[in-house]
C-alpha atoms as a PDB file:
ATOM      1  CA  ALA A   1      11.267  -8.628 -15.321  1.00  0.00           C
ATOM      2  CA  ASP A   2       9.466  -9.970 -12.314  1.00  0.00           C
ATOM      3  CA  ILE A   3      10.246  -7.598  -9.353  1.00  0.00           C
ATOM      4  CA  THR A   4       7.863  -9.404  -6.734  1.00  0.00           C
ATOM      5  CA  ALA A   5      10.620  -9.899  -4.361  1.00  0.00           C
ATOM      6  CA  GLU A   6      11.851  -6.156  -4.264  1.00  0.00           C
ATOM      7  CA  TYR A   7       8.023  -5.279  -3.418  1.00  0.00           C
ATOM      8  CA  GLU A   8       7.937  -7.788  -0.569  1.00  0.00           C
ATOM      9  CA  ARG A   9      11.188  -6.390   0.671  1.00  0.00           C
ATOM     10  CA  GLY A  10       9.958  -2.922   0.814  1.00  0.00           C
ATOM     11  CA  ALA A  11       6.649  -3.972   2.315  1.00  0.00           C
ATOM     12  CA  ASN A  12       8.400  -5.721   4.965  1.00  0.00           C
ATOM     13  CA  GLU A  13      10.432  -2.771   5.565  1.00  0.00           C
ATOM     14  CA  ALA A  14       7.382  -0.630   5.641  1.00  0.00           C
ATOM     15  CA  ARG A  15       5.848  -2.844   7.998  1.00  0.00           C
ATOM     16  CA  ARG A  16       8.886  -2.977  10.256  1.00  0.00           C
ATOM     17  CA  MET A  17       9.188   0.923  10.384  1.00  0.00           C
ATOM     18  CA  ALA A  18       5.432   1.070  11.163  1.00  0.00           C
ATOM     19  CA  LYS A  19       5.848  -1.117  14.318  1.00  0.00           C
ATOM     20  CA  LEU A  20       9.132   0.778  15.180  1.00  0.00           C
ATOM     21  CA  PHE A  21       7.072   4.170  15.267  1.00  0.00           C
ATOM     22  CA  ALA A  22       3.950   2.668  16.770  1.00  0.00           C
ATOM     23  CA  CYS A  23       2.003   3.676  13.531  1.00  0.00           C
ATOM     24  CA  THR A  24      -1.711   3.029  13.264  1.00  0.00           C
ATOM     25  CA  ALA A  25      -2.390   4.386   9.660  1.00  0.00           C
ATOM     26  CA  ALA A  26      -0.743   4.894   6.475  1.00  0.00           C
ATOM     27  CA  ILE A  27      -1.281   7.235   3.837  1.00  0.00           C
ATOM     28  CA  LEU A  28      -0.178   5.538   0.588  1.00  0.00           C
ATOM     29  CA  LYS A  29      -0.205   6.362  -3.154  1.00  0.00           C
ATOM     30  CA  SER A  30      -3.376   5.528  -5.155  1.00  0.00           C
ATOM     31  CA  ARG A  31      -3.123   2.802  -7.504  1.00  0.00           C
ATOM     32  CA  SER A  32       0.421   2.218  -6.778  1.00  0.00           C
ATOM     33  CA  PRO A  33       1.304  -1.447  -7.302  1.00  0.00           C
ATOM     34  CA  SER A  34       2.981  -1.175  -3.723  1.00  0.00           C
ATOM     35  CA  CYS A  35       0.758   1.169  -2.190  1.00  0.00           C
ATOM     36  CA  GLY A  36      -2.881   1.360  -3.737  1.00  0.00           C
ATOM     37  CA  PRO A  37      -5.130   0.300  -0.637  1.00  0.00           C
ATOM     38  CA  THR A  38      -7.990  -1.011  -3.183  1.00  0.00           C
ATOM     39  CA  GLU A  39      -6.872  -0.964  -6.697  1.00  0.00           C
ATOM     40  CA  VAL A  40      -3.644  -0.872  -8.616  1.00  0.00           C
ATOM     41  CA  TYR A  41      -2.282  -0.581 -12.114  1.00  0.00           C
ATOM     42  CA  ASP A  42      -1.513  -3.838 -13.468  1.00  0.00           C
ATOM     43  CA  GLY A  43       2.186  -3.383 -14.374  1.00  0.00           C
ATOM     44  CA  THR A  44       1.576  -3.600 -18.228  1.00  0.00           C
ATOM     45  CA  PHE A  45       1.918   0.425 -18.499  1.00  0.00           C
ATOM     46  CA  THR A  46      -1.332   0.576 -20.227  1.00  0.00           C
ATOM     47  CA  HIS A  47      -3.262   2.244 -17.734  1.00  0.00           C
ATOM     48  CA  THR A  48      -5.076  -1.070 -16.646  1.00  0.00           C
ATOM     49  CA  VAL A  49      -6.313  -0.789 -13.302  1.00  0.00           C
ATOM     50  CA  VAL A  50      -7.405  -3.967 -11.069  1.00  0.00           C
ATOM     51  CA  GLN A  51      -9.298  -4.433  -8.034  1.00  0.00           C
ATOM     52  CA  ARG A  52      -6.981  -5.505  -5.498  1.00  0.00           C
ATOM     53  CA  PRO A  53      -4.614  -3.876  -2.633  1.00  0.00           C
ATOM     54  CA  GLY A  54      -0.708  -3.397  -3.445  1.00  0.00           C
ATOM     55  CA  THR A  55       1.676  -5.179  -1.810  1.00  0.00           C
ATOM     56  CA  THR A  56       2.748  -2.965   0.894  1.00  0.00           C
ATOM     57  CA  ALA A  57      -0.992  -1.894   1.478  1.00  0.00           C
ATOM     58  CA  GLU A  58      -2.065  -5.455   2.083  1.00  0.00           C
ATOM     59  CA  LEU A  59       0.880  -6.254   4.449  1.00  0.00           C
ATOM     60  CA  LEU A  60       0.181  -3.091   6.481  1.00  0.00           C
ATOM     61  CA  ALA A  61      -3.684  -4.015   6.707  1.00  0.00           C
ATOM     62  CA  LYS A  62      -3.027  -7.169   7.609  1.00  0.00           C
ATOM     63  CA  ASN A  63      -1.025  -6.087  10.599  1.00  0.00           C
ATOM     64  CA  GLY A  64      -3.526  -3.834  11.852  1.00  0.00           C
ATOM     65  CA  LEU A  65      -2.945  -0.331  10.298  1.00  0.00           C
ATOM     66  CA  THR A  66      -5.533   1.996   8.327  1.00  0.00           C
ATOM     67  CA  VAL A  67      -4.578   1.979   5.074  1.00  0.00           C
ATOM     68  CA  ILE A  68      -5.820   5.093   2.835  1.00  0.00           C
ATOM     69  CA  ASP A  69      -4.694   6.785  -0.066  1.00  0.00           C
ATOM     70  CA  GLU A  70      -3.946  10.282  -0.679  1.00  0.00           C
ATOM     71  CA  THR A  71      -7.399  11.095  -1.735  1.00  0.00           C
ATOM     72  CA  GLN A  72      -8.914   9.889   1.494  1.00  0.00           C
ATOM     73  CA  ILE A  73      -6.905  12.134   4.200  1.00  0.00           C
ATOM     74  CA  ALA A  74     -10.066  13.997   5.273  1.00  0.00           C
ATOM     75  CA  GLN A  75     -11.517  10.440   6.273  1.00  0.00           C
ATOM     76  CA  LEU A  76      -8.581   9.500   8.557  1.00  0.00           C
ATOM     77  CA  LEU A  77      -9.020  13.060  10.365  1.00  0.00           C
ATOM     78  CA  ASP A  78     -12.724  12.645  11.062  1.00  0.00           C
END
C-alpha cells in the first residue's frame, strides 16, 4: 500500500513541532524511510538502501534544521 500521505503528514507535524520549540537540529533514525538523512531503505523489505533523504529528514533540512542520524551525534556536539 502507498503510505506517502501518512509520511508527509508525519513530516509536516515534525516540522511544526520543530518550529514551535525553535529547534535548530534533529537527530533521526538512520536509513528510516522517513528519517534517514542521506540514505533510506526502499520499502521492499529486502534491505535495499537507496541514496536519498527520508521524507521528514528532507523537509526539516529544507526548513533550515541540521539533520543527522544517531551515528553522527558527536558531529553535532562539535
